[in-house]
Amino acid sequence: MNKNFIIAGVVVLVLGLAIAIGVTLSSEPVAAGLPEGEITISGEPLPEFAGQNDLDIVAGLPAPTFSAPNENSEIISLEKNGNAKALLFLAHWCGYCQKELPIVQNLINTVGVPNGVEVIAVATAIDRGRENYPPQKWLADEGWSELQLYDLEREIGAAYGLNAFPYWVFLDKDLNVVARQTGNIPENIVLAQLVQLANQ
């Protein structure tokens, strides 16, 4: 009887540990299976996205510059190089992001990116306990053809005022904010914004 009691206690303990470990793994962002590399951010952070009044707050503000790993763990810097930038912040588990990504890629495939503009996907809010992990596989499966960077600790998103997904930040060639937008944007509006950036 004593032996059965001990065995039952061990089984309960092992099951409890397994559940605790599972909860920890699924609820915390982790680096396993992700690109690796140090993220650096310079400059003042942007205010949190403010909805309809956002342009009144951020238009013309200098965006923070940063360095982050790409899908191959190569460190890439966002810096002034004569090109405007369209940053698309995505969470791999976000349903709206899952709708936005193929729309943007279709636009790139059919129309292309205007000269003088770079479209950059920034994978953030990474959580291996949720769908489409790891995000680099999701981007590859969707055929993403442009630069992709990994915000491993959500630092870049915080510096850019991210508070919803997907999140677009449009920067002119001097890396000043032209516009920011959350949620799904129709393809024609994305194209118009890219053309506007190219013509500045």
C-alpha atoms as a PDB file:
ATOM      1  CA  MET A   1       0.000   0.000   0.000  1.00  0.00           C
ATOM      2  CA  ASN A   2       2.862   2.319   0.889  1.00  0.00           C
ATOM      3  CA  LYS A   3       4.567   1.438  -2.409  1.00  0.00           C
ATOM      4  CA  ASN A   4       1.420   2.245  -4.438  1.00  0.00           C
ATOM      5  CA  PHE A   5       1.082   5.564  -2.624  1.00  0.00           C
ATOM      6  CA  ILE A   6       4.693   6.503  -3.469  1.00  0.00           C
ATOM      7  CA  ILE A   7       4.258   5.527  -7.152  1.00  0.00           C
ATOM      8  CA  ALA A   8       1.063   7.557  -7.387  1.00  0.00           C
ATOM      9  CA  GLY A   9       2.837  10.538  -5.821  1.00  0.00           C
ATOM     10  CA  VAL A  10       5.703  10.308  -8.314  1.00  0.00           C
ATOM     11  CA  VAL A  11       3.270  10.112 -11.240  1.00  0.00           C
ATOM     12  CA  VAL A  12       1.401  13.184  -9.998  1.00  0.00           C
ATOM     13  CA  LEU A  13       4.683  15.051  -9.520  1.00  0.00           C
ATOM     14  CA  VAL A  14       5.917  14.175 -13.039  1.00  0.00           C
ATOM     15  CA  LEU A  15       2.597  15.195 -14.604  1.00  0.00           C
ATOM     16  CA  GLY A  16       2.624  18.455 -12.673  1.00  0.00           C
ATOM     17  CA  LEU A  17       6.144  19.251 -13.843  1.00  0.00           C
ATOM     18  CA  ALA A  18       5.252  18.438 -17.447  1.00  0.00           C
ATOM     19  CA  ILE A  19       2.223  20.733 -17.315  1.00  0.00           C
ATOM     20  CA  ALA A  20       4.235  23.523 -15.679  1.00  0.00           C
ATOM     21  CA  ILE A  21       6.990  23.257 -18.296  1.00  0.00           C
ATOM     22  CA  GLY A  22       4.425  23.199 -21.108  1.00  0.00           C
ATOM     23  CA  VAL A  23       2.719  26.324 -19.796  1.00  0.00           C
ATOM     24  CA  THR A  24       6.057  28.113 -19.479  1.00  0.00           C
ATOM     25  CA  LEU A  25       7.148  27.198 -22.998  1.00  0.00           C
ATOM     26  CA  SER A  26       3.896  28.202 -24.624  1.00  0.00           C
ATOM     27  CA  SER A  27       3.423  31.494 -22.815  1.00  0.00           C
ATOM     28  CA  GLU A  28       6.885  33.046 -23.139  1.00  0.00           C
ATOM     29  CA  PRO A  29       8.717  34.221 -26.240  1.00  0.00           C
ATOM     30  CA  VAL A  30      11.884  32.171 -26.630  1.00  0.00           C
ATOM     31  CA  ALA A  31      14.849  32.277 -28.945  1.00  0.00           C
ATOM     32  CA  ALA A  32      15.051  28.568 -29.844  1.00  0.00           C
ATOM     33  CA  GLY A  33      14.787  28.023 -33.575  1.00  0.00           C
ATOM     34  CA  LEU A  34      14.929  31.745 -34.324  1.00  0.00           C
ATOM     35  CA  PRO A  35      17.561  33.870 -36.011  1.00  0.00           C
ATOM     36  CA  GLU A  36      20.144  35.073 -33.532  1.00  0.00           C
ATOM     37  CA  GLY A  37      21.945  38.351 -33.068  1.00  0.00           C
ATOM     38  CA  GLU A  38      22.125  41.475 -30.976  1.00  0.00           C
ATOM     39  CA  ILE A  39      19.529  44.167 -31.545  1.00  0.00           C
ATOM     40  CA  THR A  40      20.597  47.771 -31.154  1.00  0.00           C
ATOM     41  CA  ILE A  41      18.370  50.851 -31.274  1.00  0.00           C
ATOM     42  CA  SER A  42      19.481  54.478 -31.474  1.00  0.00           C
ATOM     43  CA  GLY A  43      17.464  57.663 -31.203  1.00  0.00           C
ATOM     44  CA  GLU A  44      14.323  58.738 -29.411  1.00  0.00           C
ATOM     45  CA  PRO A  45      11.408  56.276 -29.420  1.00  0.00           C
ATOM     46  CA  LEU A  46       8.260  57.307 -31.238  1.00  0.00           C
ATOM     47  CA  PRO A  47       5.039  57.895 -29.274  1.00  0.00           C
ATOM     48  CA  GLU A  48       2.564  55.034 -29.168  1.00  0.00           C
ATOM     49  CA  PHE A  49       0.321  54.878 -32.238  1.00  0.00           C
ATOM     50  CA  ALA A  50      -2.629  57.222 -31.637  1.00  0.00           C
ATOM     51  CA  GLY A  51      -5.216  56.177 -34.212  1.00  0.00           C
ATOM     52  CA  GLN A  52      -6.895  58.862 -36.334  1.00  0.00           C
ATOM     53  CA  ASN A  53      -4.893  61.658 -34.723  1.00  0.00           C
ATOM     54  CA  ASP A  54      -1.565  59.903 -35.169  1.00  0.00           C
ATOM     55  CA  LEU A  55      -0.328  61.973 -38.096  1.00  0.00           C
ATOM     56  CA  ASP A  56      -0.754  65.181 -36.093  1.00  0.00           C
ATOM     57  CA  ILE A  57       1.591  63.738 -33.476  1.00  0.00           C
ATOM     58  CA  VAL A  58       4.323  61.981 -35.460  1.00  0.00           C
ATOM     59  CA  ALA A  59       4.544  63.530 -38.955  1.00  0.00           C
ATOM     60  CA  GLY A  60       8.136  64.548 -39.567  1.00  0.00           C
ATOM     61  CA  LEU A  61       9.565  63.007 -36.400  1.00  0.00           C
ATOM     62  CA  PRO A  62      12.889  61.210 -36.853  1.00  0.00           C
ATOM     63  CA  ALA A  63      12.466  57.461 -36.497  1.00  0.00           C
ATOM     64  CA  PRO A  64      14.853  55.463 -34.341  1.00  0.00           C
ATOM     65  CA  THR A  65      17.514  53.605 -36.292  1.00  0.00           C
ATOM     66  CA  PHE A  66      18.188  49.985 -35.445  1.00  0.00           C
ATOM     67  CA  SER A  67      20.116  46.843 -36.281  1.00  0.00           C
ATOM     68  CA  ALA A  68      18.557  43.379 -36.142  1.00  0.00           C
ATOM     69  CA  PRO A  69      19.138  39.869 -37.497  1.00  0.00           C
ATOM     70  CA  ASN A  70      17.613  38.709 -40.760  1.00  0.00           C
ATOM     71  CA  GLU A  71      16.450  35.131 -41.329  1.00  0.00           C
ATOM     72  CA  ASN A  72      20.093  34.016 -41.705  1.00  0.00           C
ATOM     73  CA  SER A  73      21.216  35.730 -38.468  1.00  0.00           C
ATOM     74  CA  GLU A  74      23.048  38.408 -40.444  1.00  0.00           C
ATOM     75  CA  ILE A  75      22.833  41.773 -38.700  1.00  0.00           C
ATOM     76  CA  ILE A  76      21.173  44.360 -40.936  1.00  0.00           C
ATOM     77  CA  SER A  77      20.971  48.054 -40.099  1.00  0.00           C
ATOM     78  CA  LEU A  78      18.146  50.421 -40.883  1.00  0.00           C
ATOM     79  CA  GLU A  79      20.065  53.492 -41.956  1.00  0.00           C
ATOM     80  CA  LYS A  80      19.961  56.395 -44.362  1.00  0.00           C
ATOM     81  CA  ASN A  81      20.901  55.118 -47.802  1.00  0.00           C
ATOM     82  CA  GLY A  82      18.848  57.358 -50.074  1.00  0.00           C
ATOM     83  CA  ASN A  83      15.783  55.100 -49.978  1.00  0.00           C
ATOM     84  CA  ALA A  84      12.465  55.586 -48.243  1.00  0.00           C
ATOM     85  CA  LYS A  85      11.306  52.711 -46.026  1.00  0.00           C
ATOM     86  CA  ALA A  86       7.982  50.975 -45.495  1.00  0.00           C
ATOM     87  CA  LEU A  87       8.188  48.908 -42.309  1.00  0.00           C
ATOM     88  CA  LEU A  88       5.545  46.218 -41.867  1.00  0.00           C
ATOM     89  CA  PHE A  89       5.455  44.887 -38.300  1.00  0.00           C
ATOM     90  CA  LEU A  90       3.912  41.415 -38.174  1.00  0.00           C
ATOM     91  CA  ALA A  91       3.093  38.809 -35.533  1.00  0.00           C
ATOM     92  CA  HIS A  92       3.135  35.267 -36.924  1.00  0.00           C
ATOM     93  CA  TRP A  93       0.082  34.292 -34.855  1.00  0.00           C
ATOM     94  CA  CYS A  94      -2.029  37.335 -35.796  1.00  0.00           C
ATOM     95  CA  GLY A  95      -4.941  36.575 -38.126  1.00  0.00           C
ATOM     96  CA  TYR A  96      -4.888  40.077 -39.609  1.00  0.00           C
ATOM     97  CA  CYS A  97      -1.173  39.717 -40.352  1.00  0.00           C
ATOM     98  CA  GLN A  98      -1.856  36.376 -42.018  1.00  0.00           C
ATOM     99  CA  LYS A  99      -4.278  38.196 -44.338  1.00  0.00           C
ATOM    100  CA  GLU A 100      -2.022  41.203 -44.920  1.00  0.00           C
ATOM    101  CA  LEU A 101       1.179  39.394 -45.870  1.00  0.00           C
ATOM    102  CA  PRO A 102      -0.083  37.615 -49.028  1.00  0.00           C
ATOM    103  CA  ILE A 103      -1.844  40.799 -50.180  1.00  0.00           C
ATOM    104  CA  VAL A 104       1.387  42.765 -49.924  1.00  0.00           C
ATOM    105  CA  GLN A 105       3.393  40.004 -51.577  1.00  0.00           C
ATOM    106  CA  ASN A 106       0.876  39.841 -54.428  1.00  0.00           C
ATOM    107  CA  LEU A 107       1.272  43.594 -54.899  1.00  0.00           C
ATOM    108  CA  ILE A 108       5.053  43.178 -55.012  1.00  0.00           C
ATOM    109  CA  ASN A 109       4.760  40.283 -57.475  1.00  0.00           C
ATOM    110  CA  THR A 110       2.366  42.044 -59.836  1.00  0.00           C
ATOM    111  CA  VAL A 111       3.367  45.724 -59.645  1.00  0.00           C
ATOM    112  CA  GLY A 112       6.733  45.681 -57.906  1.00  0.00           C
ATOM    113  CA  VAL A 113       8.204  48.059 -55.357  1.00  0.00           C
ATOM    114  CA  PRO A 114       8.768  51.598 -56.679  1.00  0.00           C
ATOM    115  CA  ASN A 115      12.362  52.663 -57.195  1.00  0.00           C
ATOM    116  CA  GLY A 116      13.793  54.357 -54.125  1.00  0.00           C
ATOM    117  CA  VAL A 117      11.594  52.457 -51.663  1.00  0.00           C
ATOM    118  CA  GLU A 118      12.374  49.446 -49.474  1.00  0.00           C
ATOM    119  CA  VAL A 119       9.630  47.278 -47.977  1.00  0.00           C
ATOM    120  CA  ILE A 120      10.817  45.560 -44.797  1.00  0.00           C
ATOM    121  CA  ALA A 121       8.932  42.950 -42.764  1.00  0.00           C
ATOM    122  CA  VAL A 122       9.691  43.110 -39.045  1.00  0.00           C
ATOM    123  CA  ALA A 123       8.655  39.935 -37.233  1.00  0.00           C
ATOM    124  CA  THR A 124       7.848  40.761 -33.619  1.00  0.00           C
ATOM    125  CA  ALA A 125       5.823  39.469 -30.636  1.00  0.00           C
ATOM    126  CA  ILE A 126       7.306  36.042 -31.376  1.00  0.00           C
ATOM    127  CA  ASP A 127       5.817  33.165 -29.372  1.00  0.00           C
ATOM    128  CA  ARG A 128       6.656  29.552 -30.132  1.00  0.00           C
ATOM    129  CA  GLY A 129       3.501  28.372 -28.387  1.00  0.00           C
ATOM    130  CA  ARG A 130       1.323  29.925 -31.093  1.00  0.00           C
ATOM    131  CA  GLU A 131       0.603  29.177 -34.742  1.00  0.00           C
ATOM    132  CA  ASN A 132       3.025  29.769 -37.601  1.00  0.00           C
ATOM    133  CA  TYR A 133       6.090  29.438 -35.419  1.00  0.00           C
ATOM    134  CA  PRO A 134       8.866  29.938 -36.352  1.00  0.00           C
ATOM    135  CA  PRO A 135       8.036  33.165 -38.201  1.00  0.00           C
ATOM    136  CA  GLN A 136      10.821  32.763 -40.760  1.00  0.00           C
ATOM    137  CA  LYS A 137       9.139  29.564 -42.002  1.00  0.00           C
ATOM    138  CA  TRP A 138       5.803  31.379 -42.229  1.00  0.00           C
ATOM    139  CA  LEU A 139       7.388  34.182 -44.268  1.00  0.00           C
ATOM    140  CA  ALA A 140       9.085  31.635 -46.523  1.00  0.00           C
ATOM    141  CA  ASP A 141       5.837  29.696 -47.004  1.00  0.00           C
ATOM    142  CA  GLU A 142       4.115  32.942 -48.050  1.00  0.00           C
ATOM    143  CA  GLY A 143       6.896  33.624 -50.557  1.00  0.00           C
ATOM    144  CA  TRP A 144       8.042  36.844 -48.883  1.00  0.00           C
ATOM    145  CA  SER A 145      10.646  38.332 -51.239  1.00  0.00           C
ATOM    146  CA  GLU A 146      11.751  41.472 -49.420  1.00  0.00           C
ATOM    147  CA  LEU A 147      13.991  42.089 -46.441  1.00  0.00           C
ATOM    148  CA  GLN A 148      12.850  40.477 -43.192  1.00  0.00           C
ATOM    149  CA  LEU A 149      14.169  41.374 -39.752  1.00  0.00           C
ATOM    150  CA  TYR A 150      13.530  39.817 -36.354  1.00  0.00           C
ATOM    151  CA  ASP A 151      12.545  41.847 -33.293  1.00  0.00           C
ATOM    152  CA  LEU A 152      13.428  39.082 -30.853  1.00  0.00           C
ATOM    153  CA  GLU A 153      12.576  40.918 -27.634  1.00  0.00           C
ATOM    154  CA  ARG A 154       9.914  43.313 -28.982  1.00  0.00           C
ATOM    155  CA  GLU A 155      12.305  46.231 -28.550  1.00  0.00           C
ATOM    156  CA  ILE A 156      11.963  47.622 -32.069  1.00  0.00           C
ATOM    157  CA  GLY A 157       8.175  47.496 -31.975  1.00  0.00           C
ATOM    158  CA  ALA A 158       8.193  49.354 -28.669  1.00  0.00           C
ATOM    159  CA  ALA A 159      10.563  51.995 -30.075  1.00  0.00           C
ATOM    160  CA  TYR A 160       8.178  52.531 -33.003  1.00  0.00           C
ATOM    161  CA  GLY A 161       5.050  52.867 -30.867  1.00  0.00           C
ATOM    162  CA  LEU A 162       3.471  49.580 -31.933  1.00  0.00           C
ATOM    163  CA  ASN A 163       0.195  48.696 -30.194  1.00  0.00           C
ATOM    164  CA  ALA A 164      -1.698  46.600 -32.774  1.00  0.00           C
ATOM    165  CA  PHE A 165      -1.029  44.333 -35.754  1.00  0.00           C
ATOM    166  CA  PRO A 166      -0.310  44.562 -38.580  1.00  0.00           C
ATOM    167  CA  TYR A 167       1.469  47.875 -38.166  1.00  0.00           C
ATOM    168  CA  TRP A 168       2.850  49.957 -41.006  1.00  0.00           C
ATOM    169  CA  VAL A 169       5.395  52.736 -40.509  1.00  0.00           C
ATOM    170  CA  PHE A 170       6.285  54.760 -43.620  1.00  0.00           C
ATOM    171  CA  LEU A 171       9.563  56.694 -43.518  1.00  0.00           C
ATOM    172  CA  ASP A 172      11.000  59.143 -46.035  1.00  0.00           C
ATOM    173  CA  LYS A 173      14.578  58.869 -47.309  1.00  0.00           C
ATOM    174  CA  ASP A 174      15.799  60.835 -44.276  1.00  0.00           C
ATOM    175  CA  LEU A 175      14.029  58.318 -41.993  1.00  0.00           C
ATOM    176  CA  ASN A 176      11.413  60.792 -40.840  1.00  0.00           C
ATOM    177  CA  VAL A 177       7.882  59.528 -40.248  1.00  0.00           C
ATOM    178  CA  VAL A 178       5.487  60.122 -43.140  1.00  0.00           C
ATOM    179  CA  ALA A 179       2.595  58.020 -41.808  1.00  0.00           C
ATOM    180  CA  ARG A 180       1.695  55.091 -39.561  1.00  0.00           C
ATOM    181  CA  GLN A 181      -1.262  52.737 -39.825  1.00  0.00           C
ATOM    182  CA  THR A 182      -2.562  49.660 -38.023  1.00  0.00           C
ATOM    183  CA  GLY A 183      -4.832  46.921 -39.353  1.00  0.00           C
ATOM    184  CA  ASN A 184      -5.326  45.609 -42.854  1.00  0.00           C
ATOM    185  CA  ILE A 185      -4.742  48.206 -45.570  1.00  0.00           C
ATOM    186  CA  PRO A 186      -6.250  47.637 -49.044  1.00  0.00           C
ATOM    187  CA  GLU A 187      -3.709  46.876 -51.753  1.00  0.00           C
ATOM    188  CA  ASN A 188      -4.407  50.098 -53.668  1.00  0.00           C
ATOM    189  CA  ILE A 189      -3.796  52.203 -50.541  1.00  0.00           C
ATOM    190  CA  VAL A 190      -0.491  50.419 -49.854  1.00  0.00           C
ATOM    191  CA  LEU A 191       0.557  51.053 -53.459  1.00  0.00           C
ATOM    192  CA  ALA A 192      -0.432  54.722 -53.261  1.00  0.00           C
ATOM    193  CA  GLN A 193       1.613  55.137 -50.083  1.00  0.00           C
ATOM    194  CA  LEU A 194       4.651  53.458 -51.662  1.00  0.00           C
ATOM    195  CA  VAL A 195       4.358  55.672 -54.748  1.00  0.00           C
ATOM    196  CA  GLN A 196       4.081  58.751 -52.520  1.00  0.00           C
ATOM    197  CA  LEU A 197       7.276  57.718 -50.728  1.00  0.00           C
ATOM    198  CA  ALA A 198       9.059  57.226 -54.045  1.00  0.00           C
ATOM    199  CA  ASN A 199       8.040  60.684 -55.239  1.00  0.00           C
ATOM    200  CA  GLN A 200       9.181  62.620 -52.184  1.00  0.00           C
END
